[in-house]
Amino acid sequence: MKEFLLTPAGLAVCYLLVINLIAFCMMGWDKRQSKREGARRTPEKRLFLAAVLGGSVGAIAGMFHFRHKTRHWYFRYGLPAILILQLAAAGGIWYCL
């Protein structure tokens, strides 16, 4: 296991786990803040940035788990579109290797 974590694939898996956890927590934090009067919110650009940086699965899971941003069409369709593009890019890289 330790040897795998030191390979490029292992580092990529660790990165994806961390960024998806961060995106999931960002959705939960923003949902919590949305219920408080005058609380600082997470900008939507930051939520999308976390998804673009590899956390699209965590952002989608957080969106539905916390029922947050599900009425916004750009989240409902944008996050899955980001995930599809990321999967296509990963497939293209895998094919080229």
C-alpha atoms as a PDB file:
ATOM      1  CA  MET A   1       0.000   0.000   0.000  1.00  0.00           C
ATOM      2  CA  LYS A   2       2.766   2.411   0.949  1.00  0.00           C
ATOM      3  CA  GLU A   3       4.517   1.791  -2.367  1.00  0.00           C
ATOM      4  CA  PHE A   4       1.336   2.608  -4.308  1.00  0.00           C
ATOM      5  CA  LEU A   5       0.888   5.934  -2.518  1.00  0.00           C
ATOM      6  CA  LEU A   6       4.335   7.025  -3.696  1.00  0.00           C
ATOM      7  CA  THR A   7       3.568   6.400  -7.363  1.00  0.00           C
ATOM      8  CA  PRO A   8       2.044   9.088  -9.613  1.00  0.00           C
ATOM      9  CA  ALA A   9      -1.240   7.154  -9.698  1.00  0.00           C
ATOM     10  CA  GLY A  10      -1.284   6.927  -5.906  1.00  0.00           C
ATOM     11  CA  LEU A  11      -0.647  10.642  -5.545  1.00  0.00           C
ATOM     12  CA  ALA A  12      -3.445  11.347  -8.034  1.00  0.00           C
ATOM     13  CA  VAL A  13      -5.865   9.172  -6.061  1.00  0.00           C
ATOM     14  CA  CYS A  14      -4.907  10.930  -2.802  1.00  0.00           C
ATOM     15  CA  TYR A  15      -5.336  14.339  -4.446  1.00  0.00           C
ATOM     16  CA  LEU A  16      -8.764  13.413  -5.811  1.00  0.00           C
ATOM     17  CA  LEU A  17      -9.902  12.100  -2.426  1.00  0.00           C
ATOM     18  CA  VAL A  18      -8.814  15.290  -0.682  1.00  0.00           C
ATOM     19  CA  ILE A  19     -10.254  17.736  -3.254  1.00  0.00           C
ATOM     20  CA  ASN A  20     -13.578  15.852  -3.337  1.00  0.00           C
ATOM     21  CA  LEU A  21     -13.785  15.911   0.451  1.00  0.00           C
ATOM     22  CA  ILE A  22     -13.060  19.648   0.381  1.00  0.00           C
ATOM     23  CA  ALA A  23     -15.762  20.261  -2.255  1.00  0.00           C
ATOM     24  CA  PHE A  24     -18.273  18.209  -0.266  1.00  0.00           C
ATOM     25  CA  CYS A  25     -17.490  20.131   2.927  1.00  0.00           C
ATOM     26  CA  MET A  26     -17.685  23.465   1.093  1.00  0.00           C
ATOM     27  CA  MET A  27     -21.244  22.644   0.015  1.00  0.00           C
ATOM     28  CA  GLY A  28     -22.156  21.712   3.570  1.00  0.00           C
ATOM     29  CA  TRP A  29     -20.551  24.835   5.013  1.00  0.00           C
ATOM     30  CA  ASP A  30     -22.300  27.109   2.533  1.00  0.00           C
ATOM     31  CA  LYS A  31     -25.642  25.436   3.253  1.00  0.00           C
ATOM     32  CA  ARG A  32     -25.095  25.995   6.971  1.00  0.00           C
ATOM     33  CA  GLN A  33     -24.136  29.612   6.433  1.00  0.00           C
ATOM     34  CA  SER A  34     -27.167  30.186   4.199  1.00  0.00           C
ATOM     35  CA  LYS A  35     -29.450  29.613   7.161  1.00  0.00           C
ATOM     36  CA  ARG A  36     -27.727  32.241   9.316  1.00  0.00           C
ATOM     37  CA  GLU A  37     -28.657  35.895   9.042  1.00  0.00           C
ATOM     38  CA  GLY A  38     -25.729  37.979   7.767  1.00  0.00           C
ATOM     39  CA  ALA A  39     -23.257  35.081   7.726  1.00  0.00           C
ATOM     40  CA  ARG A  40     -20.396  35.018   5.230  1.00  0.00           C
ATOM     41  CA  ARG A  41     -21.143  32.702   2.336  1.00  0.00           C
ATOM     42  CA  THR A  42     -18.862  30.766   0.027  1.00  0.00           C
ATOM     43  CA  PRO A  43     -18.873  32.460  -3.388  1.00  0.00           C
ATOM     44  CA  GLU A  44     -20.368  30.336  -6.160  1.00  0.00           C
ATOM     45  CA  LYS A  45     -17.192  30.812  -8.193  1.00  0.00           C
ATOM     46  CA  ARG A  46     -15.261  29.075  -5.416  1.00  0.00           C
ATOM     47  CA  LEU A  47     -17.679  26.154  -5.383  1.00  0.00           C
ATOM     48  CA  PHE A  48     -17.246  25.765  -9.145  1.00  0.00           C
ATOM     49  CA  LEU A  49     -13.454  26.120  -8.826  1.00  0.00           C
ATOM     50  CA  ALA A  50     -13.350  23.221  -6.376  1.00  0.00           C
ATOM     51  CA  ALA A  51     -15.317  21.144  -8.890  1.00  0.00           C
ATOM     52  CA  VAL A  52     -13.084  22.135 -11.817  1.00  0.00           C
ATOM     53  CA  LEU A  53      -9.947  21.279  -9.824  1.00  0.00           C
ATOM     54  CA  GLY A  54     -11.159  17.690  -9.549  1.00  0.00           C
ATOM     55  CA  GLY A  55     -13.817  17.812  -6.863  1.00  0.00           C
ATOM     56  CA  SER A  56     -16.847  17.466  -9.111  1.00  0.00           C
ATOM     57  CA  VAL A  57     -17.988  14.182  -7.544  1.00  0.00           C
ATOM     58  CA  GLY A  58     -17.746  15.670  -4.036  1.00  0.00           C
ATOM     59  CA  ALA A  59     -19.556  18.833  -5.118  1.00  0.00           C
ATOM     60  CA  ILE A  60     -22.386  16.846  -6.723  1.00  0.00           C
ATOM     61  CA  ALA A  61     -22.643  14.574  -3.684  1.00  0.00           C
ATOM     62  CA  GLY A  62     -22.701  17.600  -1.379  1.00  0.00           C
ATOM     63  CA  MET A  63     -25.260  19.369  -3.530  1.00  0.00           C
ATOM     64  CA  PHE A  64     -27.719  16.497  -3.210  1.00  0.00           C
ATOM     65  CA  HIS A  65     -26.828  15.420   0.331  1.00  0.00           C
ATOM     66  CA  PHE A  66     -27.281  18.900   1.771  1.00  0.00           C
ATOM     67  CA  ARG A  67     -30.013  19.829  -0.756  1.00  0.00           C
ATOM     68  CA  HIS A  68     -28.016  22.929  -1.577  1.00  0.00           C
ATOM     69  CA  LYS A  69     -27.947  24.783  -4.917  1.00  0.00           C
ATOM     70  CA  THR A  70     -30.245  22.184  -6.476  1.00  0.00           C
ATOM     71  CA  ARG A  71     -32.628  24.847  -7.805  1.00  0.00           C
ATOM     72  CA  HIS A  72     -29.878  26.711  -9.658  1.00  0.00           C
ATOM     73  CA  TRP A  73     -29.747  25.402 -13.213  1.00  0.00           C
ATOM     74  CA  TYR A  74     -26.060  26.229 -13.576  1.00  0.00           C
ATOM     75  CA  PHE A  75     -25.259  23.936 -10.636  1.00  0.00           C
ATOM     76  CA  ARG A  76     -27.779  21.238 -11.557  1.00  0.00           C
ATOM     77  CA  TYR A  77     -26.391  20.970 -15.098  1.00  0.00           C
ATOM     78  CA  GLY A  78     -22.966  22.578 -14.745  1.00  0.00           C
ATOM     79  CA  LEU A  79     -21.480  20.232 -12.162  1.00  0.00           C
ATOM     80  CA  PRO A  80     -22.416  17.055 -14.071  1.00  0.00           C
ATOM     81  CA  ALA A  81     -21.057  18.677 -17.264  1.00  0.00           C
ATOM     82  CA  ILE A  82     -17.742  19.327 -15.486  1.00  0.00           C
ATOM     83  CA  LEU A  83     -17.676  15.693 -14.328  1.00  0.00           C
ATOM     84  CA  ILE A  84     -18.326  14.417 -17.868  1.00  0.00           C
ATOM     85  CA  LEU A  85     -15.518  16.589 -19.251  1.00  0.00           C
ATOM     86  CA  GLN A  86     -13.155  15.371 -16.539  1.00  0.00           C
ATOM     87  CA  LEU A  87     -14.024  11.734 -17.244  1.00  0.00           C
ATOM     88  CA  ALA A  88     -13.495  12.294 -20.974  1.00  0.00           C
ATOM     89  CA  ALA A  89     -10.121  13.915 -20.319  1.00  0.00           C
ATOM     90  CA  ALA A  90      -9.113  11.064 -17.993  1.00  0.00           C
ATOM     91  CA  GLY A  91     -10.190   8.532 -20.617  1.00  0.00           C
ATOM     92  CA  GLY A  92      -8.188  10.344 -23.273  1.00  0.00           C
ATOM     93  CA  ILE A  93      -5.096  10.388 -21.085  1.00  0.00           C
ATOM     94  CA  TRP A  94      -5.577   6.702 -20.224  1.00  0.00           C
ATOM     95  CA  TYR A  95      -5.934   5.861 -23.918  1.00  0.00           C
ATOM     96  CA  CYS A  96      -2.768   7.746 -24.847  1.00  0.00           C
ATOM     97  CA  LEU A  97      -0.722   6.010 -22.166  1.00  0.00           C
END
